[in-house]
PDB file of N, CA and C in Angstrom:
ATOM      1  N   UNK A   1     -12.645  15.987   1.144  1.00  0.00           N
ATOM      2  CA  UNK A   1     -11.973  14.731   1.207  1.00  0.00           C
ATOM      3  C   UNK A   1     -12.843  13.666   0.535  1.00  0.00           C
ATOM      4  N   UNK A   2     -12.262  12.868  -0.294  1.00  0.00           N
ATOM      5  CA  UNK A   2     -12.962  11.838  -1.002  1.00  0.00           C
ATOM      6  C   UNK A   2     -13.023  10.543  -0.171  1.00  0.00           C
ATOM      7  N   UNK A   3     -14.182   9.909  -0.143  1.00  0.00           N
ATOM      8  CA  UNK A   3     -14.364   8.660   0.554  1.00  0.00           C
ATOM      9  C   UNK A   3     -14.657   7.583  -0.509  1.00  0.00           C
ATOM     10  N   UNK A   4     -13.845   6.559  -0.509  1.00  0.00           N
ATOM     11  CA  UNK A   4     -13.925   5.454  -1.475  1.00  0.00           C
ATOM     12  C   UNK A   4     -14.920   4.386  -0.893  1.00  0.00           C
ATOM     13  N   UNK A   5     -15.750   3.810  -1.735  1.00  0.00           N
ATOM     14  CA  UNK A   5     -16.503   2.605  -1.279  1.00  0.00           C
ATOM     15  C   UNK A   5     -15.525   1.441  -1.089  1.00  0.00           C
ATOM     16  N   UNK A   6     -15.808   0.657  -0.110  1.00  0.00           N
ATOM     17  CA  UNK A   6     -14.979  -0.486   0.214  1.00  0.00           C
ATOM     18  C   UNK A   6     -15.762  -1.778  -0.193  1.00  0.00           C
ATOM     19  N   UNK A   7     -15.086  -2.611  -0.994  1.00  0.00           N
ATOM     20  CA  UNK A   7     -15.637  -3.819  -1.491  1.00  0.00           C
ATOM     21  C   UNK A   7     -14.867  -5.027  -0.998  1.00  0.00           C
ATOM     22  N   UNK A   8     -15.572  -6.028  -0.455  1.00  0.00           N
ATOM     23  CA  UNK A   8     -14.965  -7.230   0.104  1.00  0.00           C
ATOM     24  C   UNK A   8     -15.071  -8.351  -0.924  1.00  0.00           C
ATOM     25  N   UNK A   9     -13.992  -9.017  -1.180  1.00  0.00           N
ATOM     26  CA  UNK A   9     -13.943 -10.171  -2.097  1.00  0.00           C
ATOM     27  C   UNK A   9     -14.556 -11.371  -1.395  1.00  0.00           C
ATOM     28  N   UNK A  10     -15.024 -12.376  -2.191  1.00  0.00           N
ATOM     29  CA  UNK A  10     -15.529 -13.584  -1.591  1.00  0.00           C
ATOM     30  C   UNK A  10     -14.436 -14.323  -0.779  1.00  0.00           C
ATOM     31  N   UNK A  11     -13.193 -14.188  -1.180  1.00  0.00           N
ATOM     32  CA  UNK A  11     -12.055 -14.832  -0.461  1.00  0.00           C
ATOM     33  C   UNK A  11     -11.959 -14.225   0.931  1.00  0.00           C
ATOM     34  N   UNK A  12     -12.086 -12.922   1.048  1.00  0.00           N
ATOM     35  CA  UNK A  12     -12.056 -12.293   2.344  1.00  0.00           C
ATOM     36  C   UNK A  12     -13.175 -12.783   3.207  1.00  0.00           C
ATOM     37  N   UNK A  13     -14.406 -12.865   2.649  1.00  0.00           N
ATOM     38  CA  UNK A  13     -15.530 -13.335   3.424  1.00  0.00           C
ATOM     39  C   UNK A  13     -15.307 -14.746   3.921  1.00  0.00           C
ATOM     40  N   UNK A  14     -14.724 -15.612   3.146  1.00  0.00           N
ATOM     41  CA  UNK A  14     -14.438 -16.980   3.561  1.00  0.00           C
ATOM     42  C   UNK A  14     -13.392 -16.983   4.681  1.00  0.00           C
ATOM     43  N   UNK A  15     -12.386 -16.157   4.531  1.00  0.00           N
ATOM     44  CA  UNK A  15     -11.331 -16.114   5.569  1.00  0.00           C
ATOM     45  C   UNK A  15     -11.888 -15.532   6.871  1.00  0.00           C
ATOM     46  N   UNK A  16     -12.761 -14.546   6.786  1.00  0.00           N
ATOM     47  CA  UNK A  16     -13.352 -13.993   7.970  1.00  0.00           C
ATOM     48  C   UNK A  16     -14.238 -15.005   8.661  1.00  0.00           C
ATOM     49  N   UNK A  17     -15.021 -15.769   7.871  1.00  0.00           N
ATOM     50  CA  UNK A  17     -15.885 -16.794   8.463  1.00  0.00           C
ATOM     51  C   UNK A  17     -15.044 -17.890   9.155  1.00  0.00           C
ATOM     52  N   UNK A  18     -13.970 -18.274   8.567  1.00  0.00           N
ATOM     53  CA  UNK A  18     -13.044 -19.229   9.124  1.00  0.00           C
ATOM     54  C   UNK A  18     -12.462 -18.758  10.449  1.00  0.00           C
ATOM     55  N   UNK A  19     -12.107 -17.490  10.505  1.00  0.00           N
ATOM     56  CA  UNK A  19     -11.575 -16.910  11.717  1.00  0.00           C
ATOM     57  C   UNK A  19     -12.673 -16.870  12.810  1.00  0.00           C
ATOM     58  N   UNK A  20     -13.881 -16.469  12.380  1.00  0.00           N
ATOM     59  CA  UNK A  20     -15.021 -16.485  13.321  1.00  0.00           C
ATOM     60  C   UNK A  20     -15.215 -17.885  13.941  1.00  0.00           C
ATOM     61  N   UNK A  21     -15.248 -18.861  13.104  1.00  0.00           N
ATOM     62  CA  UNK A  21     -15.458 -20.269  13.560  1.00  0.00           C
ATOM     63  C   UNK A  21     -14.363 -20.674  14.554  1.00  0.00           C
ATOM     64  N   UNK A  22     -13.105 -20.367  14.244  1.00  0.00           N
ATOM     65  CA  UNK A  22     -11.996 -20.699  15.122  1.00  0.00           C
ATOM     66  C   UNK A  22     -12.181 -20.062  16.506  1.00  0.00           C
ATOM     67  N   UNK A  23     -12.447 -18.761  16.484  1.00  0.00           N
ATOM     68  CA  UNK A  23     -12.551 -18.002  17.769  1.00  0.00           C
ATOM     69  C   UNK A  23     -13.735 -18.470  18.545  1.00  0.00           C
ATOM     70  N   UNK A  24     -14.865 -18.774  17.833  1.00  0.00           N
ATOM     71  CA  UNK A  24     -16.108 -19.231  18.519  1.00  0.00           C
ATOM     72  C   UNK A  24     -15.847 -20.559  19.159  1.00  0.00           C
ATOM     73  N   UNK A  25     -15.091 -21.439  18.536  1.00  0.00           N
ATOM     74  CA  UNK A  25     -14.758 -22.740  19.134  1.00  0.00           C
ATOM     75  C   UNK A  25     -13.813 -22.610  20.323  1.00  0.00           C
ATOM     76  N   UNK A  26     -12.830 -21.743  20.196  1.00  0.00           N
ATOM     77  CA  UNK A  26     -11.822 -21.608  21.220  1.00  0.00           C
ATOM     78  C   UNK A  26     -12.246 -20.699  22.391  1.00  0.00           C
ATOM     79  N   UNK A  27     -13.083 -19.753  22.123  1.00  0.00           N
ATOM     80  CA  UNK A  27     -13.510 -18.800  23.181  1.00  0.00           C
ATOM     81  C   UNK A  27     -15.026 -18.794  23.259  1.00  0.00           C
ATOM     82  N   UNK A  28     -15.707 -17.965  22.436  1.00  0.00           N
ATOM     83  CA  UNK A  28     -17.155 -17.965  22.475  1.00  0.00           C
ATOM     84  C   UNK A  28     -17.658 -17.246  21.158  1.00  0.00           C
ATOM     85  N   UNK A  29     -18.903 -17.519  20.786  1.00  0.00           N
ATOM     86  CA  UNK A  29     -19.432 -16.807  19.611  1.00  0.00           C
ATOM     87  C   UNK A  29     -19.521 -15.288  19.860  1.00  0.00           C
ATOM     88  N   UNK A  30     -19.733 -14.883  21.047  1.00  0.00           N
ATOM     89  CA  UNK A  30     -19.795 -13.438  21.354  1.00  0.00           C
ATOM     90  C   UNK A  30     -18.447 -12.805  21.035  1.00  0.00           C
ATOM     91  N   UNK A  31     -17.400 -13.355  21.575  1.00  0.00           N
ATOM     92  CA  UNK A  31     -16.016 -12.847  21.356  1.00  0.00           C
ATOM     93  C   UNK A  31     -15.692 -12.914  19.861  1.00  0.00           C
ATOM     94  N   UNK A  32     -16.070 -13.989  19.234  1.00  0.00           N
ATOM     95  CA  UNK A  32     -15.788 -14.120  17.747  1.00  0.00           C
ATOM     96  C   UNK A  32     -16.463 -13.013  16.970  1.00  0.00           C
ATOM     97  N   UNK A  33     -17.736 -12.766  17.309  1.00  0.00           N
ATOM     98  CA  UNK A  33     -18.509 -11.740  16.611  1.00  0.00           C
ATOM     99  C   UNK A  33     -17.875 -10.336  16.795  1.00  0.00           C
ATOM    100  N   UNK A  34     -17.504 -10.049  18.075  1.00  0.00           N
ATOM    101  CA  UNK A  34     -16.899  -8.735  18.364  1.00  0.00           C
ATOM    102  C   UNK A  34     -15.582  -8.556  17.569  1.00  0.00           C
ATOM    103  N   UNK A  35     -14.766  -9.629  17.555  1.00  0.00           N
ATOM    104  CA  UNK A  35     -13.476  -9.463  16.892  1.00  0.00           C
ATOM    105  C   UNK A  35     -13.609  -9.366  15.366  1.00  0.00           C
ATOM    106  N   UNK A  36     -14.445 -10.170  14.771  1.00  0.00           N
ATOM    107  CA  UNK A  36     -14.623 -10.140  13.342  1.00  0.00           C
ATOM    108  C   UNK A  36     -15.352  -8.859  12.881  1.00  0.00           C
ATOM    109  N   UNK A  37     -16.324  -8.382  13.697  1.00  0.00           N
ATOM    110  CA  UNK A  37     -16.959  -7.130  13.401  1.00  0.00           C
ATOM    111  C   UNK A  37     -15.964  -5.973  13.441  1.00  0.00           C
ATOM    112  N   UNK A  38     -15.057  -6.028  14.364  1.00  0.00           N
ATOM    113  CA  UNK A  38     -14.046  -4.957  14.505  1.00  0.00           C
ATOM    114  C   UNK A  38     -13.097  -4.982  13.278  1.00  0.00           C
ATOM    115  N   UNK A  39     -12.812  -6.149  12.782  1.00  0.00           N
ATOM    116  CA  UNK A  39     -11.974  -6.259  11.553  1.00  0.00           C
ATOM    117  C   UNK A  39     -12.690  -5.652  10.372  1.00  0.00           C
ATOM    118  N   UNK A  40     -13.951  -5.939  10.229  1.00  0.00           N
ATOM    119  CA  UNK A  40     -14.752  -5.341   9.114  1.00  0.00           C
ATOM    120  C   UNK A  40     -14.797  -3.825   9.254  1.00  0.00           C
ATOM    121  N   UNK A  41     -15.043  -3.332  10.445  1.00  0.00           N
ATOM    122  CA  UNK A  41     -15.048  -1.871  10.679  1.00  0.00           C
ATOM    123  C   UNK A  41     -13.739  -1.277  10.313  1.00  0.00           C
ATOM    124  N   UNK A  42     -12.612  -1.929  10.671  1.00  0.00           N
ATOM    125  CA  UNK A  42     -11.313  -1.395  10.335  1.00  0.00           C
ATOM    126  C   UNK A  42     -11.125  -1.359   8.823  1.00  0.00           C
ATOM    127  N   UNK A  43     -11.552  -2.422   8.182  1.00  0.00           N
ATOM    128  CA  UNK A  43     -11.448  -2.434   6.712  1.00  0.00           C
ATOM    129  C   UNK A  43     -12.279  -1.331   6.103  1.00  0.00           C
ATOM    130  N   UNK A  44     -13.484  -1.113   6.580  1.00  0.00           N
ATOM    131  CA  UNK A  44     -14.330  -0.067   6.076  1.00  0.00           C
ATOM    132  C   UNK A  44     -13.716   1.309   6.262  1.00  0.00           C
ATOM    133  N   UNK A  45     -12.871   1.487   7.282  1.00  0.00           N
ATOM    134  CA  UNK A  45     -12.215   2.748   7.515  1.00  0.00           C
ATOM    135  C   UNK A  45     -11.152   3.056   6.426  1.00  0.00           C
ATOM    136  N   UNK A  46     -10.778   2.011   5.698  1.00  0.00           N
ATOM    137  CA  UNK A  46      -9.848   2.246   4.627  1.00  0.00           C
ATOM    138  C   UNK A  46     -10.418   3.095   3.482  1.00  0.00           C
ATOM    139  N   UNK A  47     -11.722   3.216   3.425  1.00  0.00           N
ATOM    140  CA  UNK A  47     -12.372   4.081   2.461  1.00  0.00           C
ATOM    141  C   UNK A  47     -12.087   5.540   2.685  1.00  0.00           C
ATOM    142  N   UNK A  48     -11.819   5.916   3.944  1.00  0.00           N
ATOM    143  CA  UNK A  48     -11.528   7.301   4.282  1.00  0.00           C
ATOM    144  C   UNK A  48     -10.069   7.641   3.988  1.00  0.00           C
ATOM    145  N   UNK A  49      -9.132   6.776   4.388  1.00  0.00           N
ATOM    146  CA  UNK A  49      -7.703   6.975   4.202  1.00  0.00           C
ATOM    147  C   UNK A  49      -7.164   5.717   3.487  1.00  0.00           C
ATOM    148  N   UNK A  50      -7.398   5.550   2.200  1.00  0.00           N
ATOM    149  CA  UNK A  50      -7.024   4.336   1.530  1.00  0.00           C
ATOM    150  C   UNK A  50      -5.572   4.110   1.286  1.00  0.00           C
ATOM    151  N   UNK A  51      -4.760   5.137   1.247  1.00  0.00           N
ATOM    152  CA  UNK A  51      -3.379   5.022   0.861  1.00  0.00           C
ATOM    153  C   UNK A  51      -2.476   4.769   2.026  1.00  0.00           C
ATOM    154  N   UNK A  52      -2.939   4.118   3.082  1.00  0.00           N
ATOM    155  CA  UNK A  52      -2.119   3.758   4.216  1.00  0.00           C
ATOM    156  C   UNK A  52      -1.589   2.356   4.036  1.00  0.00           C
ATOM    157  N   UNK A  53      -0.822   1.910   4.939  1.00  0.00           N
ATOM    158  CA  UNK A  53      -0.275   0.570   4.815  1.00  0.00           C
ATOM    159  C   UNK A  53       0.980   0.556   4.000  1.00  0.00           C
ATOM    160  N   UNK A  54       1.482  -0.591   3.745  1.00  0.00           N
ATOM    161  CA  UNK A  54       2.729  -0.806   3.044  1.00  0.00           C
ATOM    162  C   UNK A  54       2.438  -1.333   1.606  1.00  0.00           C
ATOM    163  N   UNK A  55       3.059  -0.697   0.632  1.00  0.00           N
ATOM    164  CA  UNK A  55       2.916  -1.164  -0.729  1.00  0.00           C
ATOM    165  C   UNK A  55       3.712  -2.494  -0.864  1.00  0.00           C
ATOM    166  N   UNK A  56       3.136  -3.471  -1.545  1.00  0.00           N
ATOM    167  CA  UNK A  56       3.703  -4.763  -1.750  1.00  0.00           C
ATOM    168  C   UNK A  56       3.671  -5.147  -3.207  1.00  0.00           C
ATOM    169  N   UNK A  57       4.139  -4.248  -4.076  1.00  0.00           N
ATOM    170  CA  UNK A  57       4.155  -4.577  -5.534  1.00  0.00           C
ATOM    171  C   UNK A  57       5.016  -5.787  -5.808  1.00  0.00           C
ATOM    172  N   UNK A  58       5.940  -6.160  -4.911  1.00  0.00           N
ATOM    173  CA  UNK A  58       6.794  -7.328  -5.080  1.00  0.00           C
ATOM    174  C   UNK A  58       5.986  -8.640  -4.993  1.00  0.00           C
ATOM    175  N   UNK A  59       4.816  -8.541  -4.333  1.00  0.00           N
ATOM    176  CA  UNK A  59       3.950  -9.752  -4.224  1.00  0.00           C
ATOM    177  C   UNK A  59       2.911  -9.714  -5.348  1.00  0.00           C
ATOM    178  N   UNK A  60       2.268  -8.594  -5.510  1.00  0.00           N
ATOM    179  CA  UNK A  60       1.232  -8.377  -6.521  1.00  0.00           C
ATOM    180  C   UNK A  60       1.104  -6.876  -6.831  1.00  0.00           C
ATOM    181  N   UNK A  61       1.073  -6.544  -8.069  1.00  0.00           N
ATOM    182  CA  UNK A  61       1.001  -5.142  -8.473  1.00  0.00           C
ATOM    183  C   UNK A  61      -0.183  -4.456  -7.827  1.00  0.00           C
ATOM    184  N   UNK A  62       0.022  -3.365  -7.168  1.00  0.00           N
ATOM    185  CA  UNK A  62      -1.049  -2.576  -6.524  1.00  0.00           C
ATOM    186  C   UNK A  62      -1.474  -3.035  -5.134  1.00  0.00           C
ATOM    187  N   UNK A  63      -0.808  -4.072  -4.642  1.00  0.00           N
ATOM    188  CA  UNK A  63      -1.197  -4.630  -3.312  1.00  0.00           C
ATOM    189  C   UNK A  63      -0.682  -3.733  -2.199  1.00  0.00           C
ATOM    190  N   UNK A  64      -1.547  -3.520  -1.211  1.00  0.00           N
ATOM    191  CA  UNK A  64      -1.180  -2.840  -0.013  1.00  0.00           C
ATOM    192  C   UNK A  64      -1.473  -3.799   1.156  1.00  0.00           C
ATOM    193  N   UNK A  65      -0.656  -3.652   2.209  1.00  0.00           N
ATOM    194  CA  UNK A  65      -0.787  -4.500   3.395  1.00  0.00           C
ATOM    195  C   UNK A  65      -0.894  -3.582   4.625  1.00  0.00           C
ATOM    196  N   UNK A  66      -1.862  -3.852   5.498  1.00  0.00           N
ATOM    197  CA  UNK A  66      -1.894  -3.204   6.793  1.00  0.00           C
ATOM    198  C   UNK A  66      -2.199  -4.309   7.842  1.00  0.00           C
ATOM    199  N   UNK A  67      -2.076  -3.940   9.093  1.00  0.00           N
ATOM    200  CA  UNK A  67      -2.295  -4.953  10.148  1.00  0.00           C
ATOM    201  C   UNK A  67      -3.427  -4.469  11.073  1.00  0.00           C
ATOM    202  N   UNK A  68      -4.167  -5.429  11.537  1.00  0.00           N
ATOM    203  CA  UNK A  68      -5.200  -5.158  12.573  1.00  0.00           C
ATOM    204  C   UNK A  68      -4.692  -5.736  13.887  1.00  0.00           C
ATOM    205  N   UNK A  69      -4.425  -4.834  14.828  1.00  0.00           N
ATOM    206  CA  UNK A  69      -3.966  -5.174  16.213  1.00  0.00           C
ATOM    207  C   UNK A  69      -2.781  -6.175  16.183  1.00  0.00           C
ATOM    208  N   UNK A  70      -1.940  -5.998  15.216  1.00  0.00           N
ATOM    209  CA  UNK A  70      -0.690  -6.811  15.117  1.00  0.00           C
ATOM    210  C   UNK A  70      -0.957  -8.306  15.021  1.00  0.00           C
ATOM    211  N   UNK A  71      -2.210  -8.701  14.769  1.00  0.00           N
ATOM    212  CA  UNK A  71      -2.545 -10.125  14.735  1.00  0.00           C
ATOM    213  C   UNK A  71      -3.044 -10.587  13.400  1.00  0.00           C
ATOM    214  N   UNK A  72      -3.665  -9.671  12.652  1.00  0.00           N
ATOM    215  CA  UNK A  72      -4.211 -10.035  11.353  1.00  0.00           C
ATOM    216  C   UNK A  72      -3.594  -9.130  10.311  1.00  0.00           C
ATOM    217  N   UNK A  73      -3.319  -9.706   9.153  1.00  0.00           N
ATOM    218  CA  UNK A  73      -2.827  -8.964   7.998  1.00  0.00           C
ATOM    219  C   UNK A  73      -3.985  -8.738   7.042  1.00  0.00           C
ATOM    220  N   UNK A  74      -4.241  -7.481   6.661  1.00  0.00           N
ATOM    221  CA  UNK A  74      -5.284  -7.155   5.698  1.00  0.00           C
ATOM    222  C   UNK A  74      -4.611  -6.780   4.403  1.00  0.00           C
ATOM    223  N   UNK A  75      -4.981  -7.523   3.395  1.00  0.00           N
ATOM    224  CA  UNK A  75      -4.467  -7.240   2.017  1.00  0.00           C
ATOM    225  C   UNK A  75      -5.536  -6.528   1.186  1.00  0.00           C
ATOM    226  N   UNK A  76      -5.159  -5.406   0.560  1.00  0.00           N
ATOM    227  CA  UNK A  76      -6.138  -4.632  -0.180  1.00  0.00           C
ATOM    228  C   UNK A  76      -5.490  -3.903  -1.319  1.00  0.00           C
ATOM    229  N   UNK A  77      -6.323  -3.392  -2.219  1.00  0.00           N
ATOM    230  CA  UNK A  77      -5.840  -2.604  -3.361  1.00  0.00           C
ATOM    231  C   UNK A  77      -6.753  -1.381  -3.470  1.00  0.00           C
ATOM    232  N   UNK A  78      -6.141  -0.285  -3.867  1.00  0.00           N
ATOM    233  CA  UNK A  78      -6.878   0.944  -4.059  1.00  0.00           C
ATOM    234  C   UNK A  78      -7.054   1.170  -5.571  1.00  0.00           C
ATOM    235  N   UNK A  79      -8.250   1.169  -6.028  1.00  0.00           N
ATOM    236  CA  UNK A  79      -8.516   1.419  -7.439  1.00  0.00           C
ATOM    237  C   UNK A  79      -8.943   2.883  -7.665  1.00  0.00           C
ATOM    238  N   UNK A  80      -9.285   3.224  -8.855  1.00  0.00           N
ATOM    239  CA  UNK A  80      -9.672   4.600  -9.154  1.00  0.00           C
ATOM    240  C   UNK A  80     -10.974   4.980  -8.445  1.00  0.00           C
ATOM    241  N   UNK A  81     -11.843   3.963  -8.233  1.00  0.00           N
ATOM    242  CA  UNK A  81     -13.181   4.280  -7.654  1.00  0.00           C
ATOM    243  C   UNK A  81     -13.507   3.520  -6.410  1.00  0.00           C
ATOM    244  N   UNK A  82     -12.661   2.607  -5.944  1.00  0.00           N
ATOM    245  CA  UNK A  82     -13.019   1.798  -4.763  1.00  0.00           C
ATOM    246  C   UNK A  82     -11.769   1.212  -4.105  1.00  0.00           C
ATOM    247  N   UNK A  83     -11.927   0.769  -2.878  1.00  0.00           N
ATOM    248  CA  UNK A  83     -10.950   0.000  -2.165  1.00  0.00           C
ATOM    249  C   UNK A  83     -11.439  -1.474  -2.155  1.00  0.00           C
ATOM    250  N   UNK A  84     -10.587  -2.377  -2.631  1.00  0.00           N
ATOM    251  CA  UNK A  84     -10.962  -3.800  -2.658  1.00  0.00           C
ATOM    252  C   UNK A  84     -10.182  -4.509  -1.574  1.00  0.00           C
ATOM    253  N   UNK A  85     -10.947  -5.077  -0.659  1.00  0.00           N
ATOM    254  CA  UNK A  85     -10.310  -5.906   0.418  1.00  0.00           C
ATOM    255  C   UNK A  85     -10.119  -7.301  -0.156  1.00  0.00           C
ATOM    256  N   UNK A  86      -8.892  -7.665  -0.404  1.00  0.00           N
ATOM    257  CA  UNK A  86      -8.521  -8.891  -1.072  1.00  0.00           C
ATOM    258  C   UNK A  86      -8.511 -10.127  -0.125  1.00  0.00           C
ATOM    259  N   UNK A  87      -7.954  -9.895   1.018  1.00  0.00           N
ATOM    260  CA  UNK A  87      -7.831 -11.051   1.959  1.00  0.00           C
ATOM    261  C   UNK A  87      -7.475 -10.633   3.335  1.00  0.00           C
ATOM    262  N   UNK A  88      -7.616 -11.573   4.281  1.00  0.00           N
ATOM    263  CA  UNK A  88      -7.245 -11.363   5.651  1.00  0.00           C
ATOM    264  C   UNK A  88      -6.518 -12.611   6.114  1.00  0.00           C
ATOM    265  N   UNK A  89      -5.366 -12.420   6.720  1.00  0.00           N
ATOM    266  CA  UNK A  89      -4.523 -13.557   7.070  1.00  0.00           C
ATOM    267  C   UNK A  89      -4.116 -13.457   8.541  1.00  0.00           C
ATOM    268  N   UNK A  90      -4.094 -14.585   9.222  1.00  0.00           N
ATOM    269  CA  UNK A  90      -3.761 -14.538  10.650  1.00  0.00           C
ATOM    270  C   UNK A  90      -2.994 -15.806  11.028  1.00  0.00           C
ATOM    271  N   UNK A  91      -2.460 -15.782  12.210  1.00  0.00           N
ATOM    272  CA  UNK A  91      -1.778 -16.987  12.725  1.00  0.00           C
ATOM    273  C   UNK A  91      -0.555 -17.398  11.951  1.00  0.00           C
ATOM    274  N   UNK A  92       0.173 -16.427  11.413  1.00  0.00           N
ATOM    275  CA  UNK A  92       1.397 -16.727  10.719  1.00  0.00           C
ATOM    276  C   UNK A  92       1.227 -17.289   9.310  1.00  0.00           C
ATOM    277  N   UNK A  93       0.017 -17.183   8.728  1.00  0.00           N
ATOM    278  CA  UNK A  93      -0.209 -17.616   7.396  1.00  0.00           C
ATOM    279  C   UNK A  93       0.724 -16.890   6.388  1.00  0.00           C
ATOM    280  N   UNK A  94       1.171 -17.655   5.426  1.00  0.00           N
ATOM    281  CA  UNK A  94       2.082 -17.085   4.421  1.00  0.00           C
ATOM    282  C   UNK A  94       1.295 -16.345   3.331  1.00  0.00           C
ATOM    283  N   UNK A  95       0.908 -15.165   3.676  1.00  0.00           N
ATOM    284  CA  UNK A  95       0.044 -14.384   2.728  1.00  0.00           C
ATOM    285  C   UNK A  95       0.762 -14.059   1.427  1.00  0.00           C
ATOM    286  N   UNK A  96       2.086 -13.871   1.509  1.00  0.00           N
ATOM    287  CA  UNK A  96       2.853 -13.546   0.297  1.00  0.00           C
ATOM    288  C   UNK A  96       2.677 -14.651  -0.735  1.00  0.00           C
ATOM    289  N   UNK A  97       2.868 -15.888  -0.361  1.00  0.00           N
ATOM    290  CA  UNK A  97       2.760 -17.013  -1.292  1.00  0.00           C
ATOM    291  C   UNK A  97       1.261 -17.148  -1.726  1.00  0.00           C
ATOM    292  N   UNK A  98       0.350 -17.052  -0.781  1.00  0.00           N
ATOM    293  CA  UNK A  98      -1.070 -17.236  -1.094  1.00  0.00           C
ATOM    294  C   UNK A  98      -1.522 -16.170  -2.099  1.00  0.00           C
ATOM    295  N   UNK A  99      -1.084 -14.918  -1.941  1.00  0.00           N
ATOM    296  CA  UNK A  99      -1.491 -13.866  -2.851  1.00  0.00           C
ATOM    297  C   UNK A  99      -0.783 -13.935  -4.221  1.00  0.00           C
ATOM    298  N   UNK A 100       0.461 -14.348  -4.195  1.00  0.00           N
ATOM    299  CA  UNK A 100       1.165 -14.394  -5.469  1.00  0.00           C
ATOM    300  C   UNK A 100       0.670 -15.571  -6.313  1.00  0.00           C
ATOM    301  N   UNK A 101       0.212 -16.640  -5.639  1.00  0.00           N
ATOM    302  CA  UNK A 101      -0.275 -17.807  -6.349  1.00  0.00           C
ATOM    303  C   UNK A 101      -1.687 -17.554  -6.937  1.00  0.00           C
ATOM    304  N   UNK A 102      -2.454 -16.624  -6.408  1.00  0.00           N
ATOM    305  CA  UNK A 102      -3.792 -16.397  -6.852  1.00  0.00           C
ATOM    306  C   UNK A 102      -3.868 -15.515  -8.088  1.00  0.00           C
ATOM    307  N   UNK A 103      -2.746 -15.075  -8.610  1.00  0.00           N
ATOM    308  CA  UNK A 103      -2.743 -14.247  -9.807  1.00  0.00           C
ATOM    309  C   UNK A 103      -3.058 -15.119 -11.017  1.00  0.00           C
TER     310      UNK A 103
END
């Protein structure tokens, strides 16, 4: 079985930091770290089974969407040699518009 390296975009890192800040303010830094670390681990697991999730070519060619605990939407693409984590959206954010505008 092939394992793909997982690459995180700067946009994903910014979104994750924003989520961390929000949770740290509303709950605690400990809870924020546990939750955001779990999201990163989930994303890293996409390297083992990268072709899961829902294809969303209607939003962006090659885009796949999966959910983390029904609360966060993870946007990613599977390339020939890697999985690219494009973004993470939560709280009802309109990821379709945000991703289609970033083309």
